Amino acid sequence: MASSFDGPSPQMQRYYAEMSAARRRLVGPLAVFTAAYYLGMNFLANFTSWLDGQVFEGMTWAYVFGFSQMLMCAVVTLIYRRRIDAIEREFRPAELDGAKVAPTSVAEESPS
């Protein structure tokens, strides 16, 4: 069964290329920061005694740093979500506004 969809237009190809480049510029620094923050606890716990101190009875700085990693995950996710939404709005071509997007699989095609 042949499809009438010949592929993306040059404008759409440019849109996807620009979106890919912008996404890489966003994801790269966030991934480096996340990895450094995560590996920071391993480094501090194994090679220093900074995390051994007591914050208060029964709570060490290691626990505080570990809980901050969970908070950092949520913050990085929020930053990514807001920035990628802004990037999508900036690069969205006029041809996508109100246009029907071509089906991506045979299952989504409507019978004609």
N, C-alpha and C. Protein backbone atom coordinates (compact mmCIF):
# COMPACT_ATOMS: atom_id res chain seq x y z
N MET A 1 0.85 -1.17 0.00
CA MET A 1 0.00 0.00 0.00
C MET A 1 0.90 1.24 0.00
N ALA A 2 0.84 2.01 -1.04
CA ALA A 2 1.69 3.18 -1.19
C ALA A 2 1.12 4.36 -0.42
N SER A 3 2.02 5.15 0.10
CA SER A 3 1.62 6.34 0.84
C SER A 3 1.80 7.56 -0.05
N SER A 4 0.97 8.55 0.14
CA SER A 4 1.08 9.77 -0.65
C SER A 4 2.07 10.75 -0.02
N PHE A 5 2.68 10.35 1.08
CA PHE A 5 3.62 11.22 1.79
C PHE A 5 5.01 11.02 1.19
N ASP A 6 5.58 12.06 0.58
CA ASP A 6 6.87 11.96 -0.10
C ASP A 6 8.05 12.31 0.79
N GLY A 7 7.81 12.79 1.97
CA GLY A 7 8.89 13.16 2.87
C GLY A 7 8.73 14.59 3.32
N PRO A 8 9.56 14.98 4.25
CA PRO A 8 9.43 16.35 4.76
C PRO A 8 9.88 17.39 3.75
N SER A 9 9.26 18.52 3.81
CA SER A 9 9.62 19.62 2.93
C SER A 9 10.97 20.19 3.36
N PRO A 10 11.62 20.96 2.49
CA PRO A 10 12.90 21.58 2.87
C PRO A 10 12.77 22.45 4.12
N GLN A 11 11.62 23.11 4.28
CA GLN A 11 11.41 23.94 5.47
C GLN A 11 11.38 23.05 6.72
N MET A 12 10.72 21.91 6.63
CA MET A 12 10.65 20.99 7.77
C MET A 12 12.02 20.38 8.06
N GLN A 13 12.78 20.06 7.02
CA GLN A 13 14.12 19.53 7.22
C GLN A 13 14.99 20.55 7.95
N ARG A 14 14.87 21.82 7.56
CA ARG A 14 15.63 22.89 8.22
C ARG A 14 15.18 23.02 9.68
N TYR A 15 13.86 22.90 9.91
CA TYR A 15 13.31 22.96 11.27
C TYR A 15 13.91 21.86 12.15
N TYR A 16 13.92 20.63 11.63
CA TYR A 16 14.46 19.52 12.41
C TYR A 16 15.96 19.68 12.66
N ALA A 17 16.70 20.17 11.69
CA ALA A 17 18.14 20.39 11.86
C ALA A 17 18.40 21.46 12.92
N GLU A 18 17.65 22.56 12.85
CA GLU A 18 17.83 23.63 13.84
C GLU A 18 17.43 23.16 15.23
N MET A 19 16.33 22.39 15.31
CA MET A 19 15.89 21.86 16.60
C MET A 19 16.92 20.90 17.19
N SER A 20 17.51 20.06 16.35
CA SER A 20 18.53 19.12 16.82
C SER A 20 19.74 19.86 17.36
N ALA A 21 20.18 20.88 16.64
CA ALA A 21 21.35 21.65 17.09
C ALA A 21 21.05 22.38 18.40
N ALA A 22 19.87 22.98 18.50
CA ALA A 22 19.51 23.70 19.73
C ALA A 22 19.37 22.74 20.89
N ARG A 23 18.81 21.56 20.65
CA ARG A 23 18.66 20.56 21.71
C ARG A 23 20.03 20.09 22.19
N ARG A 24 20.96 19.86 21.27
CA ARG A 24 22.31 19.44 21.67
C ARG A 24 22.99 20.53 22.51
N ARG A 25 22.80 21.80 22.13
CA ARG A 25 23.39 22.89 22.91
C ARG A 25 22.79 22.96 24.30
N LEU A 26 21.55 22.55 24.47
CA LEU A 26 20.90 22.55 25.77
C LEU A 26 21.28 21.31 26.59
N VAL A 27 21.23 20.15 25.98
CA VAL A 27 21.44 18.90 26.69
C VAL A 27 22.90 18.72 27.11
N GLY A 28 23.83 19.14 26.29
CA GLY A 28 25.26 18.97 26.60
C GLY A 28 25.65 19.52 27.96
N PRO A 29 25.46 20.82 28.20
CA PRO A 29 25.84 21.38 29.49
C PRO A 29 25.04 20.79 30.67
N LEU A 30 23.75 20.50 30.46
CA LEU A 30 22.96 19.90 31.53
C LEU A 30 23.47 18.51 31.88
N ALA A 31 23.86 17.73 30.88
CA ALA A 31 24.39 16.39 31.13
C ALA A 31 25.74 16.46 31.85
N VAL A 32 26.59 17.39 31.44
CA VAL A 32 27.90 17.54 32.10
C VAL A 32 27.70 17.96 33.55
N PHE A 33 26.82 18.93 33.80
CA PHE A 33 26.57 19.38 35.16
C PHE A 33 26.02 18.24 36.02
N THR A 34 25.05 17.49 35.47
CA THR A 34 24.45 16.39 36.22
C THR A 34 25.48 15.32 36.55
N ALA A 35 26.30 14.96 35.59
CA ALA A 35 27.34 13.95 35.83
C ALA A 35 28.35 14.43 36.87
N ALA A 36 28.76 15.70 36.76
CA ALA A 36 29.73 16.24 37.71
C ALA A 36 29.14 16.29 39.13
N TYR A 37 27.88 16.68 39.24
CA TYR A 37 27.24 16.75 40.55
C TYR A 37 27.08 15.35 41.15
N TYR A 38 26.71 14.39 40.32
CA TYR A 38 26.56 13.02 40.79
C TYR A 38 27.91 12.44 41.20
N LEU A 39 28.92 12.59 40.36
CA LEU A 39 30.24 12.03 40.67
C LEU A 39 30.93 12.80 41.79
N GLY A 40 30.49 14.03 42.05
CA GLY A 40 31.06 14.80 43.15
C GLY A 40 30.90 14.12 44.49
N MET A 41 29.77 13.49 44.71
CA MET A 41 29.57 12.78 45.98
C MET A 41 30.53 11.61 46.11
N ASN A 42 30.73 10.87 45.01
CA ASN A 42 31.68 9.76 45.05
C ASN A 42 33.08 10.25 45.38
N PHE A 43 33.48 11.33 44.74
CA PHE A 43 34.81 11.89 44.99
C PHE A 43 34.93 12.37 46.43
N LEU A 44 33.96 13.16 46.89
CA LEU A 44 34.02 13.71 48.24
C LEU A 44 33.96 12.61 49.30
N ALA A 45 33.19 11.58 49.08
CA ALA A 45 33.06 10.51 50.07
C ALA A 45 34.30 9.63 50.12
N ASN A 46 34.94 9.41 48.99
CA ASN A 46 36.08 8.50 48.96
C ASN A 46 37.42 9.16 49.19
N PHE A 47 37.58 10.42 48.83
CA PHE A 47 38.90 11.03 48.88
C PHE A 47 39.01 12.20 49.85
N THR A 48 37.94 12.61 50.48
CA THR A 48 38.00 13.68 51.47
C THR A 48 37.19 13.28 52.70
N SER A 49 37.26 14.10 53.71
CA SER A 49 36.45 13.85 54.91
C SER A 49 35.38 14.93 55.09
N TRP A 50 35.10 15.69 54.03
CA TRP A 50 34.14 16.78 54.11
C TRP A 50 32.73 16.33 54.43
N LEU A 51 32.35 15.15 53.97
CA LEU A 51 30.98 14.68 54.18
C LEU A 51 30.79 13.93 55.50
N ASP A 52 31.87 13.80 56.28
CA ASP A 52 31.80 13.04 57.54
C ASP A 52 31.23 13.85 58.69
N GLY A 53 31.23 15.17 58.58
CA GLY A 53 30.79 16.03 59.68
C GLY A 53 29.30 15.91 59.96
N GLN A 54 28.94 16.17 61.19
CA GLN A 54 27.54 16.10 61.62
C GLN A 54 26.84 17.44 61.37
N VAL A 55 25.69 17.39 60.76
CA VAL A 55 24.85 18.57 60.61
C VAL A 55 24.11 18.76 61.93
N PHE A 56 23.48 17.70 62.40
CA PHE A 56 22.90 17.60 63.74
C PHE A 56 22.88 16.12 64.09
N GLU A 57 22.45 15.78 65.25
CA GLU A 57 22.51 14.41 65.74
C GLU A 57 21.90 13.41 64.75
N GLY A 58 22.71 12.48 64.25
CA GLY A 58 22.24 11.45 63.34
C GLY A 58 22.20 11.84 61.88
N MET A 59 22.59 13.06 61.53
CA MET A 59 22.54 13.53 60.13
C MET A 59 23.92 14.06 59.74
N THR A 60 24.53 13.40 58.75
CA THR A 60 25.83 13.87 58.27
C THR A 60 25.65 14.67 56.98
N TRP A 61 26.73 15.33 56.56
CA TRP A 61 26.69 16.10 55.33
C TRP A 61 26.48 15.21 54.11
N ALA A 62 26.85 13.93 54.22
CA ALA A 62 26.63 13.00 53.12
C ALA A 62 25.13 12.85 52.84
N TYR A 63 24.32 12.78 53.90
CA TYR A 63 22.87 12.70 53.71
C TYR A 63 22.33 13.98 53.06
N VAL A 64 22.83 15.12 53.51
CA VAL A 64 22.39 16.39 52.94
C VAL A 64 22.74 16.45 51.46
N PHE A 65 23.95 16.03 51.11
CA PHE A 65 24.37 16.04 49.71
C PHE A 65 23.54 15.05 48.90
N GLY A 66 23.26 13.88 49.45
CA GLY A 66 22.43 12.89 48.76
C GLY A 66 21.02 13.40 48.51
N PHE A 67 20.42 14.04 49.50
CA PHE A 67 19.09 14.61 49.30
C PHE A 67 19.13 15.75 48.28
N SER A 68 20.22 16.51 48.29
CA SER A 68 20.33 17.60 47.32
C SER A 68 20.44 17.07 45.89
N GLN A 69 20.97 15.85 45.74
CA GLN A 69 21.03 15.26 44.40
C GLN A 69 19.63 14.97 43.87
N MET A 70 18.74 14.53 44.74
CA MET A 70 17.35 14.31 44.30
C MET A 70 16.70 15.63 43.90
N LEU A 71 16.93 16.67 44.69
CA LEU A 71 16.39 17.98 44.37
C LEU A 71 17.00 18.50 43.06
N MET A 72 18.29 18.28 42.88
CA MET A 72 18.98 18.72 41.66
C MET A 72 18.37 18.05 40.44
N CYS A 73 17.99 16.79 40.55
CA CYS A 73 17.37 16.08 39.43
C CYS A 73 16.07 16.77 39.02
N ALA A 74 15.26 17.15 39.98
CA ALA A 74 14.00 17.85 39.68
C ALA A 74 14.27 19.22 39.06
N VAL A 75 15.26 19.94 39.57
CA VAL A 75 15.58 21.27 39.05
C VAL A 75 16.09 21.18 37.61
N VAL A 76 16.97 20.23 37.33
CA VAL A 76 17.50 20.07 35.98
C VAL A 76 16.36 19.69 35.02
N THR A 77 15.44 18.87 35.47
CA THR A 77 14.29 18.49 34.64
C THR A 77 13.42 19.71 34.33
N LEU A 78 13.17 20.55 35.33
CA LEU A 78 12.39 21.77 35.11
C LEU A 78 13.09 22.72 34.14
N ILE A 79 14.39 22.88 34.32
CA ILE A 79 15.16 23.76 33.42
C ILE A 79 15.07 23.23 31.99
N TYR A 80 15.28 21.93 31.83
CA TYR A 80 15.21 21.34 30.49
C TYR A 80 13.83 21.55 29.88
N ARG A 81 12.81 21.27 30.64
CA ARG A 81 11.43 21.37 30.12
C ARG A 81 11.11 22.80 29.67
N ARG A 82 11.46 23.77 30.49
CA ARG A 82 11.16 25.17 30.14
C ARG A 82 11.97 25.65 28.94
N ARG A 83 13.26 25.28 28.91
CA ARG A 83 14.11 25.73 27.81
C ARG A 83 13.71 25.06 26.49
N ILE A 84 13.38 23.76 26.53
CA ILE A 84 13.03 23.07 25.28
C ILE A 84 11.69 23.59 24.76
N ASP A 85 10.76 23.94 25.65
CA ASP A 85 9.50 24.55 25.21
C ASP A 85 9.76 25.88 24.52
N ALA A 86 10.65 26.69 25.09
CA ALA A 86 10.98 27.99 24.48
C ALA A 86 11.67 27.78 23.13
N ILE A 87 12.54 26.80 23.04
CA ILE A 87 13.23 26.52 21.77
C ILE A 87 12.23 26.07 20.72
N GLU A 88 11.29 25.19 21.10
CA GLU A 88 10.29 24.73 20.14
C GLU A 88 9.41 25.87 19.64
N ARG A 89 9.04 26.78 20.53
CA ARG A 89 8.23 27.93 20.10
C ARG A 89 9.04 28.83 19.16
N GLU A 90 10.32 28.99 19.43
CA GLU A 90 11.17 29.86 18.62
C GLU A 90 11.35 29.32 17.20
N PHE A 91 11.54 28.03 17.06
CA PHE A 91 11.85 27.45 15.76
C PHE A 91 10.64 26.88 15.04
N ARG A 92 9.46 26.90 15.62
CA ARG A 92 8.28 26.27 15.01
C ARG A 92 7.93 26.95 13.69
N PRO A 93 7.93 26.19 12.60
CA PRO A 93 7.61 26.79 11.30
C PRO A 93 6.11 27.05 11.18
N ALA A 94 5.76 28.01 10.34
CA ALA A 94 4.36 28.36 10.14
C ALA A 94 3.58 27.21 9.54
N GLU A 95 4.25 26.35 8.81
CA GLU A 95 3.57 25.23 8.16
C GLU A 95 3.02 24.23 9.19
N LEU A 96 3.54 24.24 10.42
CA LEU A 96 3.04 23.34 11.46
C LEU A 96 1.84 23.92 12.20
N ASP A 97 1.64 25.21 12.15
CA ASP A 97 0.53 25.83 12.86
C ASP A 97 -0.79 25.47 12.18
N GLY A 98 -1.58 24.66 12.87
CA GLY A 98 -2.88 24.26 12.36
C GLY A 98 -2.83 23.22 11.27
N ALA A 99 -1.64 22.74 10.92
CA ALA A 99 -1.53 21.75 9.86
C ALA A 99 -1.60 20.35 10.46
N LYS A 100 -2.11 19.44 9.67
CA LYS A 100 -2.16 18.05 10.09
C LYS A 100 -0.79 17.43 9.86
N VAL A 101 -0.25 16.77 10.88
CA VAL A 101 1.05 16.15 10.77
C VAL A 101 0.88 14.81 10.07
N ALA A 102 1.81 14.49 9.19
CA ALA A 102 1.74 13.25 8.43
C ALA A 102 1.85 12.06 9.37
N PRO A 103 1.18 10.95 9.06
CA PRO A 103 1.26 9.77 9.91
C PRO A 103 2.68 9.22 9.94
N THR A 104 3.08 8.67 11.10
CA THR A 104 4.43 8.15 11.24
C THR A 104 4.50 6.66 11.05
N SER A 105 3.37 5.98 11.05
CA SER A 105 3.38 4.54 10.83
C SER A 105 2.15 4.14 10.05
N VAL A 106 2.18 2.93 9.53
CA VAL A 106 1.07 2.42 8.74
C VAL A 106 -0.17 2.30 9.62
N ALA A 107 0.00 1.97 10.90
CA ALA A 107 -1.13 1.80 11.81
C ALA A 107 -1.89 3.11 12.00
N GLU A 108 -1.19 4.25 11.88
CA GLU A 108 -1.83 5.55 12.10
C GLU A 108 -2.54 6.07 10.86
N GLU A 109 -2.24 5.50 9.70
CA GLU A 109 -2.85 5.98 8.46
C GLU A 109 -4.34 5.66 8.47
N SER A 110 -5.12 6.59 8.00
CA SER A 110 -6.55 6.34 7.93
C SER A 110 -6.87 5.63 6.63
N PRO A 111 -7.79 4.68 6.66
CA PRO A 111 -8.12 3.96 5.43
C PRO A 111 -8.80 4.88 4.43
N SER A 112 -8.40 4.77 3.17
CA SER A 112 -8.95 5.62 2.11
C SER A 112 -9.77 4.81 1.15
